[in-house]
Amino acid sequence: DELTKAQVAQEEVLEDARIEAESANRAKSTFLFNMSHDIRTPMNAIIGFNNLALKHIDDKEKLTDCLEKVNLSSQHLLSIINDVLDMARIESGKVTIEEDKGYITEAANNLTDIVAQSVKDKKISFVTDFEGINHNYIFADELRVNRVLMNIANNAIKYTNAGGTVKYTIREFGSNHPGYATYEFIIEDTGIGMSEEFLGKIFDEFAREKNSE
């Protein structure tokens, strides 16, 4: 009868809601798990440079350099934490790109400084190379670009064994639009790599190669 049909329809709606809620909770748990890994890099940098500063407390030049790198890593840590807030903004459709002035080479060197402690701990080399950079001064959303590059660099470092190398290359290409430039960012490593089968899944949420540790 109509009452039974309505009851069945209601139960189906509740079941769909339950499944959706469980899926959302799993996604949030996975997101926070991955976030904890992202936080480790700037945290390791802060701890490492802070300890180094304490060892050179009487060396003003060395102390200043360490404190500047602690400040840089702290800013990056804050940007990662802000990602959590961005999740809510993405869902509401209120995320906007914040363009500001910056320097290509400075941004690359900052990334190198932040991963320095992780590179040291893994006993690997991190090399930065610039090719054809004719326009160093740019307007871009540096924080969001850095988040993407930092995640890729972290994975390259994580899956590269001691004695290996991670290379970060930035290339500039010509542009037909005045006031614009095209840049290519390449992060390559001598690590374990990815299978051809997995390459098709690298843009899936929270995807990880089976042979990763």
Protein backbone atom coordinates (compact mmCIF):
# COMPACT_ATOMS: atom_id res chain seq x y z
CA ASP A 1 0.00 0.00 0.00
CA GLU A 2 0.96 3.69 -0.10
CA LEU A 3 2.08 3.71 3.56
CA THR A 4 4.46 0.80 2.96
CA LYS A 5 5.89 2.45 -0.16
CA ALA A 6 6.46 5.69 1.75
CA GLN A 7 8.18 3.80 4.58
CA VAL A 8 10.46 1.95 2.15
CA ALA A 9 11.34 5.22 0.39
CA GLN A 10 12.15 6.82 3.75
CA GLU A 11 14.38 3.91 4.73
CA GLU A 12 16.22 4.17 1.40
CA VAL A 13 16.82 7.90 1.97
CA LEU A 14 18.15 7.22 5.47
CA GLU A 15 20.40 4.43 4.18
CA ASP A 16 21.80 6.69 1.45
CA ALA A 17 22.43 9.40 4.06
CA ARG A 18 24.21 6.89 6.31
CA ILE A 19 26.45 5.68 3.49
CA GLU A 20 27.25 9.26 2.47
CA ALA A 21 28.08 10.22 6.07
CA GLU A 22 30.37 7.21 6.50
CA SER A 23 32.12 8.01 3.23
CA ALA A 24 32.62 11.63 4.31
CA ASN A 25 34.03 10.53 7.67
CA ARG A 26 36.48 8.16 5.98
CA ALA A 27 37.57 10.94 3.62
CA LYS A 28 38.12 13.32 6.54
CA SER A 29 40.12 10.71 8.46
CA THR A 30 42.29 10.02 5.43
CA PHE A 31 42.72 13.74 4.80
CA LEU A 32 43.87 14.35 8.38
CA PHE A 33 46.21 11.33 8.18
CA ASN A 34 47.85 12.73 5.05
CA MET A 35 47.92 16.21 6.56
CA SER A 36 49.92 14.87 9.51
CA HIS A 37 52.60 13.75 7.06
CA ASP A 38 52.66 17.16 5.34
CA ILE A 39 53.08 18.90 8.68
CA ARG A 40 56.19 16.89 9.53
CA THR A 41 58.41 18.60 6.94
CA PRO A 42 58.13 22.19 8.24
CA MET A 43 58.04 20.90 11.82
CA ASN A 44 61.30 19.01 11.29
CA ALA A 45 62.78 22.14 9.74
CA ILE A 46 61.70 24.31 12.68
CA ILE A 47 63.11 21.86 15.22
CA GLY A 48 66.34 21.36 13.24
CA PHE A 49 67.08 25.05 12.69
CA ASN A 50 66.10 25.87 16.28
CA ASN A 51 68.59 23.29 17.61
CA LEU A 52 71.23 24.65 15.23
CA ALA A 53 70.55 28.18 16.47
CA LEU A 54 71.04 27.07 20.08
CA LYS A 55 74.42 25.57 19.16
CA HIS A 56 75.53 28.86 17.54
CA ILE A 57 73.99 31.28 19.99
CA ASP A 58 77.13 33.44 19.98
CA ASP A 59 77.45 33.50 16.19
CA LYS A 60 75.16 36.37 15.20
CA GLU A 61 75.30 35.66 11.46
CA LYS A 62 74.58 31.95 11.85
CA LEU A 63 71.91 32.63 14.46
CA THR A 64 70.15 35.14 12.20
CA ASP A 65 70.19 32.69 9.28
CA CYS A 66 68.67 29.94 11.42
CA LEU A 67 65.94 32.20 12.80
CA GLU A 68 65.04 33.39 9.30
CA LYS A 69 64.64 29.77 8.21
CA VAL A 70 62.58 28.99 11.32
CA ASN A 71 60.31 31.89 10.37
CA LEU A 72 60.05 30.66 6.76
CA SER A 73 59.16 27.13 7.87
CA SER A 74 56.63 28.50 10.35
CA GLN A 75 54.89 30.40 7.56
CA HIS A 76 54.73 27.25 5.45
CA LEU A 77 53.35 25.29 8.41
CA LEU A 78 50.65 27.92 8.81
CA SER A 79 49.78 27.64 5.11
CA ILE A 80 49.33 23.86 5.51
CA ILE A 81 47.05 24.37 8.50
CA ASN A 82 45.07 26.87 6.44
CA ASP A 83 44.42 24.03 3.97
CA VAL A 84 41.97 22.66 6.53
CA LEU A 85 40.07 25.92 6.41
CA ASP A 86 40.28 25.92 2.61
CA MET A 87 38.41 22.60 2.56
CA ALA A 88 35.36 24.41 3.94
CA ARG A 89 35.85 27.25 1.45
CA ILE A 90 36.06 24.81 -1.46
CA GLU A 91 32.76 23.20 -0.44
CA SER A 92 31.09 26.63 -0.29
CA GLY A 93 32.63 27.72 -3.60
CA LYS A 94 34.37 30.70 -1.99
CA VAL A 95 38.00 29.87 -2.78
CA THR A 96 39.75 32.62 -4.72
CA ILE A 97 43.25 32.80 -6.16
CA GLU A 98 45.31 35.40 -4.30
CA GLU A 99 47.86 36.86 -6.72
CA ASP A 100 50.78 38.80 -5.28
CA LYS A 101 54.29 39.80 -6.31
CA GLY A 102 57.13 37.38 -5.83
CA TYR A 103 60.34 35.98 -7.26
CA ILE A 104 60.68 32.58 -8.95
CA THR A 105 64.22 31.97 -7.68
CA GLU A 106 63.40 33.09 -4.14
CA ALA A 107 60.38 30.77 -3.96
CA ALA A 108 62.53 27.85 -5.15
CA ASN A 109 65.25 28.63 -2.60
CA ASN A 110 62.63 28.85 0.15
CA LEU A 111 61.38 25.37 -0.74
CA THR A 112 64.96 24.10 -0.61
CA ASP A 113 65.42 25.60 2.87
CA ILE A 114 62.20 24.04 4.19
CA VAL A 115 63.07 20.52 3.00
CA ALA A 116 66.73 20.85 4.07
CA GLN A 117 66.23 18.96 7.35
CA SER A 118 64.32 16.12 5.67
CA VAL A 119 67.05 15.89 3.00
CA LYS A 120 69.72 15.79 5.71
CA ASP A 121 67.86 13.08 7.66
CA LYS A 122 67.49 10.91 4.53
CA LYS A 123 71.15 11.49 3.55
CA ILE A 124 70.25 12.47 -0.01
CA SER A 125 71.09 15.39 -2.30
CA PHE A 126 68.61 18.10 -3.30
CA VAL A 127 69.60 20.07 -6.40
CA THR A 128 67.86 23.18 -7.76
CA ASP A 129 68.33 24.23 -11.38
CA PHE A 130 67.03 27.26 -13.31
CA GLU A 131 66.78 27.19 -17.09
CA GLY A 132 66.06 30.23 -19.23
CA ILE A 133 64.59 32.37 -16.45
CA ASN A 134 64.24 35.78 -18.08
CA HIS A 135 61.39 37.03 -15.91
CA ASN A 136 62.15 36.31 -12.26
CA TYR A 137 59.70 38.90 -10.90
CA ILE A 138 56.12 37.58 -11.19
CA PHE A 139 52.57 37.88 -9.91
CA ALA A 140 51.09 34.56 -8.78
CA ASP A 141 49.40 32.74 -5.90
CA GLU A 142 52.73 31.69 -4.40
CA LEU A 143 51.29 29.90 -1.38
CA ARG A 144 49.11 27.55 -3.42
CA VAL A 145 51.84 26.91 -5.98
CA ASN A 146 54.25 26.12 -3.15
CA ARG A 147 51.79 23.70 -1.54
CA VAL A 148 51.60 21.66 -4.73
CA LEU A 149 55.38 21.67 -5.26
CA MET A 150 56.07 20.94 -1.58
CA ASN A 151 53.82 17.86 -1.66
CA ILE A 152 55.59 16.56 -4.77
CA ALA A 153 59.03 17.31 -3.29
CA ASN A 154 58.08 15.58 -0.02
CA ASN A 155 57.07 12.43 -1.90
CA ALA A 156 60.29 12.52 -3.94
CA ILE A 157 62.35 12.81 -0.74
CA LYS A 158 60.32 10.19 1.12
CA TYR A 159 60.74 7.51 -1.55
CA THR A 160 64.40 8.20 -2.38
CA ASN A 161 66.95 6.07 -0.52
CA ALA A 162 70.14 7.32 1.11
CA GLY A 163 72.72 8.42 -1.42
CA GLY A 164 70.04 9.31 -3.98
CA THR A 165 69.22 12.66 -5.54
CA VAL A 166 66.14 14.84 -5.92
CA LYS A 167 66.35 17.53 -8.61
CA TYR A 168 64.05 20.54 -8.80
CA THR A 169 64.11 22.31 -12.19
CA ILE A 170 62.27 25.48 -13.21
CA ARG A 171 62.14 26.44 -16.89
CA GLU A 172 60.70 29.52 -18.56
CA PHE A 173 59.24 29.40 -22.05
CA GLY A 174 58.21 32.21 -24.34
CA SER A 175 54.65 33.55 -24.38
CA ASN A 176 52.60 35.22 -27.08
CA HIS A 177 50.77 37.30 -24.47
CA PRO A 178 52.54 40.48 -23.29
CA GLY A 179 52.95 40.54 -19.52
CA TYR A 180 52.70 36.75 -19.20
CA ALA A 181 55.26 33.96 -19.07
CA THR A 182 55.00 30.17 -19.14
CA TYR A 183 56.95 28.20 -16.53
CA GLU A 184 57.56 24.48 -16.18
CA PHE A 185 58.30 22.93 -12.78
CA ILE A 186 59.97 19.52 -12.73
CA ILE A 187 60.76 17.44 -9.64
CA GLU A 188 62.59 14.22 -10.47
CA ASP A 189 64.28 11.70 -8.22
CA THR A 190 66.26 8.48 -8.16
CA GLY A 191 63.71 6.80 -5.91
CA ILE A 192 61.52 3.73 -6.35
CA GLY A 193 59.37 5.29 -9.08
CA MET A 194 55.84 4.35 -10.13
CA SER A 195 54.47 1.61 -12.31
CA GLU A 196 52.75 2.47 -15.61
CA GLU A 197 49.54 1.08 -14.17
CA PHE A 198 49.66 3.50 -11.24
CA LEU A 199 50.42 6.56 -13.39
CA GLY A 200 46.79 6.66 -14.45
CA LYS A 201 45.74 7.02 -10.81
CA ILE A 202 48.11 9.74 -9.58
CA PHE A 203 45.36 12.35 -9.56
CA ASP A 204 42.95 10.17 -7.58
CA GLU A 205 42.31 11.39 -4.03
CA PHE A 206 44.74 9.93 -1.48
CA ALA A 207 46.12 7.42 -4.00
CA ARG A 208 49.35 5.62 -3.12
CA GLU A 209 51.45 3.11 -5.05
CA LYS A 210 51.28 -0.43 -3.59
CA ASN A 211 55.06 -0.82 -3.41
CA SER A 212 55.45 2.36 -1.32
CA GLU A 213 56.40 2.10 2.32
